[in-house]
Amino acid sequence: MTPILKLVGSKIRDIRKQRGWSQELLGEKAGVKFSYIGSVERGEQNITLLNLEKIATALDVKVHSLFSYSVELEKFEISKESMIYELLEILIRLEQNDLRKVRAILKEFQN
């Protein structure tokens, strides 16, 4: 599976454990099977948005907070294309002055 599934699953597991809940309890509160919770936490299940919302509601967190990772991305194998895409997303949000700085830094790597 892709790194995002592992990262979101890890975040769900972290929050569940902080609350002292079992997978069974979270599954019950979210209205899904505990085995589904386990496969989501391991990054084996491509979770739907509806189930993500159910789990977030059960954990009493906002859905977007499940995408705030405390784990280092380098722990997961990320393809060159994924890294480039991630960098592009960051660059798009930068102001022109900051883009000039980034360009200057990247030019240093060419030498």
C-alpha atoms as a PDB file:
ATOM      1  CA  MET A   1       0.000   0.000   0.000  1.00  0.00           C
ATOM      2  CA  THR A   2       0.969   3.623  -0.325  1.00  0.00           C
ATOM      3  CA  PRO A   3       2.695   5.610   2.417  1.00  0.00           C
ATOM      4  CA  ILE A   4      -0.394   7.761   3.063  1.00  0.00           C
ATOM      5  CA  LEU A   5      -2.381   4.697   4.151  1.00  0.00           C
ATOM      6  CA  LYS A   6       0.349   3.756   6.618  1.00  0.00           C
ATOM      7  CA  LEU A   7       0.625   7.316   7.904  1.00  0.00           C
ATOM      8  CA  VAL A   8      -3.116   7.799   8.418  1.00  0.00           C
ATOM      9  CA  GLY A   9      -3.409   4.341   9.956  1.00  0.00           C
ATOM     10  CA  SER A  10      -0.550   5.088  12.309  1.00  0.00           C
ATOM     11  CA  LYS A  11      -2.210   8.366  13.333  1.00  0.00           C
ATOM     12  CA  ILE A  12      -5.501   6.566  14.037  1.00  0.00           C
ATOM     13  CA  ARG A  13      -3.642   3.959  16.128  1.00  0.00           C
ATOM     14  CA  ASP A  14      -1.801   6.676  18.081  1.00  0.00           C
ATOM     15  CA  ILE A  15      -5.033   8.508  18.946  1.00  0.00           C
ATOM     16  CA  ARG A  16      -6.831   5.259  19.831  1.00  0.00           C
ATOM     17  CA  LYS A  17      -4.006   4.210  22.149  1.00  0.00           C
ATOM     18  CA  GLN A  18      -3.866   7.670  23.756  1.00  0.00           C
ATOM     19  CA  ARG A  19      -7.493   7.113  24.746  1.00  0.00           C
ATOM     20  CA  GLY A  20      -6.697   3.641  26.057  1.00  0.00           C
ATOM     21  CA  TRP A  21      -9.153   2.059  23.633  1.00  0.00           C
ATOM     22  CA  SER A  22      -8.953  -1.336  22.030  1.00  0.00           C
ATOM     23  CA  GLN A  23      -9.569  -1.844  18.325  1.00  0.00           C
ATOM     24  CA  GLU A  24     -12.813  -3.526  19.316  1.00  0.00           C
ATOM     25  CA  LEU A  25     -14.012  -0.453  21.213  1.00  0.00           C
ATOM     26  CA  LEU A  26     -13.099   1.931  18.404  1.00  0.00           C
ATOM     27  CA  GLY A  27     -14.818  -0.342  15.893  1.00  0.00           C
ATOM     28  CA  GLU A  28     -17.942  -0.406  18.040  1.00  0.00           C
ATOM     29  CA  LYS A  29     -17.998   3.384  18.445  1.00  0.00           C
ATOM     30  CA  ALA A  30     -17.359   3.924  14.715  1.00  0.00           C
ATOM     31  CA  GLY A  31     -19.823   1.264  13.589  1.00  0.00           C
ATOM     32  CA  VAL A  32     -17.232  -0.848  11.780  1.00  0.00           C
ATOM     33  CA  LYS A  33     -15.680  -4.243  12.465  1.00  0.00           C
ATOM     34  CA  PHE A  34     -12.619  -4.308  14.713  1.00  0.00           C
ATOM     35  CA  SER A  35     -10.744  -6.275  12.031  1.00  0.00           C
ATOM     36  CA  TYR A  36     -11.328  -3.332   9.678  1.00  0.00           C
ATOM     37  CA  ILE A  37      -9.789  -0.995  12.270  1.00  0.00           C
ATOM     38  CA  GLY A  38      -6.748  -3.268  12.456  1.00  0.00           C
ATOM     39  CA  SER A  39      -6.267  -3.346   8.696  1.00  0.00           C
ATOM     40  CA  VAL A  40      -6.647   0.462   8.508  1.00  0.00           C
ATOM     41  CA  GLU A  41      -4.092   0.965  11.283  1.00  0.00           C
ATOM     42  CA  ARG A  42      -1.618  -1.313   9.485  1.00  0.00           C
ATOM     43  CA  GLY A  43      -2.117   0.593   6.218  1.00  0.00           C
ATOM     44  CA  GLU A  44      -3.542  -2.471   4.497  1.00  0.00           C
ATOM     45  CA  GLN A  45      -7.006  -1.049   3.892  1.00  0.00           C
ATOM     46  CA  ASN A  46      -7.777   1.759   1.441  1.00  0.00           C
ATOM     47  CA  ILE A  47     -10.158   3.549   3.780  1.00  0.00           C
ATOM     48  CA  THR A  48     -13.162   5.353   2.318  1.00  0.00           C
ATOM     49  CA  LEU A  49     -13.921   8.946   3.201  1.00  0.00           C
ATOM     50  CA  LEU A  50     -17.146   7.859   4.884  1.00  0.00           C
ATOM     51  CA  ASN A  51     -15.335   5.390   7.129  1.00  0.00           C
ATOM     52  CA  LEU A  52     -12.609   7.938   7.807  1.00  0.00           C
ATOM     53  CA  GLU A  53     -15.311  10.323   8.991  1.00  0.00           C
ATOM     54  CA  LYS A  54     -16.884   7.606  11.179  1.00  0.00           C
ATOM     55  CA  ILE A  55     -13.534   6.858  12.805  1.00  0.00           C
ATOM     56  CA  ALA A  56     -12.713  10.550  13.303  1.00  0.00           C
ATOM     57  CA  THR A  57     -16.127  11.129  14.876  1.00  0.00           C
ATOM     58  CA  ALA A  58     -15.688   8.129  17.168  1.00  0.00           C
ATOM     59  CA  LEU A  59     -12.258   9.445  18.212  1.00  0.00           C
ATOM     60  CA  ASP A  60     -13.744  12.950  18.625  1.00  0.00           C
ATOM     61  CA  VAL A  61     -11.225  14.538  16.266  1.00  0.00           C
ATOM     62  CA  LYS A  62     -11.536  16.466  13.008  1.00  0.00           C
ATOM     63  CA  VAL A  63     -10.927  14.418   9.863  1.00  0.00           C
ATOM     64  CA  HIS A  64      -8.094  16.710   8.789  1.00  0.00           C
ATOM     65  CA  SER A  65      -6.197  15.987  12.006  1.00  0.00           C
ATOM     66  CA  LEU A  66      -5.737  12.394  10.826  1.00  0.00           C
ATOM     67  CA  PHE A  67      -3.488  13.805   8.106  1.00  0.00           C
ATOM     68  CA  SER A  68      -1.171  15.520  10.589  1.00  0.00           C
ATOM     69  CA  TYR A  69       1.590  12.965  10.961  1.00  0.00           C
ATOM     70  CA  SER A  70       3.999  12.741  13.828  1.00  0.00           C
ATOM     71  CA  VAL A  71       5.921  10.007  12.036  1.00  0.00           C
ATOM     72  CA  GLU A  72       8.848  10.796   9.782  1.00  0.00           C
ATOM     73  CA  LEU A  73       8.010  10.253   6.120  1.00  0.00           C
ATOM     74  CA  GLU A  74      11.472   8.814   5.551  1.00  0.00           C
ATOM     75  CA  LYS A  75      10.438   5.691   7.473  1.00  0.00           C
ATOM     76  CA  PHE A  76       8.339   4.751   4.460  1.00  0.00           C
ATOM     77  CA  GLU A  77       9.584   4.105   0.976  1.00  0.00           C
ATOM     78  CA  ILE A  78       8.553   7.049  -1.158  1.00  0.00           C
ATOM     79  CA  SER A  79       9.098   7.058  -4.890  1.00  0.00           C
ATOM     80  CA  LYS A  80      10.968   9.820  -6.646  1.00  0.00           C
ATOM     81  CA  GLU A  81       7.721  10.868  -8.344  1.00  0.00           C
ATOM     82  CA  SER A  82       5.923  11.133  -4.991  1.00  0.00           C
ATOM     83  CA  MET A  83       8.693  13.286  -3.561  1.00  0.00           C
ATOM     84  CA  ILE A  84       8.607  15.583  -6.594  1.00  0.00           C
ATOM     85  CA  TYR A  85       4.832  15.899  -6.304  1.00  0.00           C
ATOM     86  CA  GLU A  86       5.118  16.701  -2.590  1.00  0.00           C
ATOM     87  CA  LEU A  87       7.764  19.343  -3.312  1.00  0.00           C
ATOM     88  CA  LEU A  88       5.575  20.879  -6.014  1.00  0.00           C
ATOM     89  CA  GLU A  89       2.696  21.177  -3.563  1.00  0.00           C
ATOM     90  CA  ILE A  90       4.978  23.038  -1.154  1.00  0.00           C
ATOM     91  CA  LEU A  91       6.400  25.280  -3.873  1.00  0.00           C
ATOM     92  CA  ILE A  92       2.963  26.268  -5.173  1.00  0.00           C
ATOM     93  CA  ARG A  93       2.095  27.754  -1.782  1.00  0.00           C
ATOM     94  CA  LEU A  94       5.259  29.862  -1.535  1.00  0.00           C
ATOM     95  CA  GLU A  95       5.481  33.567  -2.267  1.00  0.00           C
ATOM     96  CA  GLN A  96       7.684  34.617  -5.196  1.00  0.00           C
ATOM     97  CA  ASN A  97      10.445  35.915  -2.925  1.00  0.00           C
ATOM     98  CA  ASP A  98      10.627  32.564  -1.118  1.00  0.00           C
ATOM     99  CA  LEU A  99      10.638  30.745  -4.464  1.00  0.00           C
ATOM    100  CA  ARG A 100      13.739  32.718  -5.459  1.00  0.00           C
ATOM    101  CA  LYS A 101      15.453  31.553  -2.267  1.00  0.00           C
ATOM    102  CA  VAL A 102      14.514  27.928  -2.928  1.00  0.00           C
ATOM    103  CA  ARG A 103      15.771  28.222  -6.518  1.00  0.00           C
ATOM    104  CA  ALA A 104      19.107  29.589  -5.273  1.00  0.00           C
ATOM    105  CA  ILE A 105      19.458  26.698  -2.826  1.00  0.00           C
ATOM    106  CA  LEU A 106      18.600  24.102  -5.485  1.00  0.00           C
ATOM    107  CA  LYS A 107      21.140  25.597  -7.884  1.00  0.00           C
ATOM    108  CA  GLU A 108      23.806  24.888  -5.252  1.00  0.00           C
ATOM    109  CA  PHE A 109      23.031  21.164  -5.618  1.00  0.00           C
ATOM    110  CA  GLN A 110      23.731  21.309  -9.361  1.00  0.00           C
ATOM    111  CA  ASN A 111      27.371  22.244  -8.817  1.00  0.00           C
END
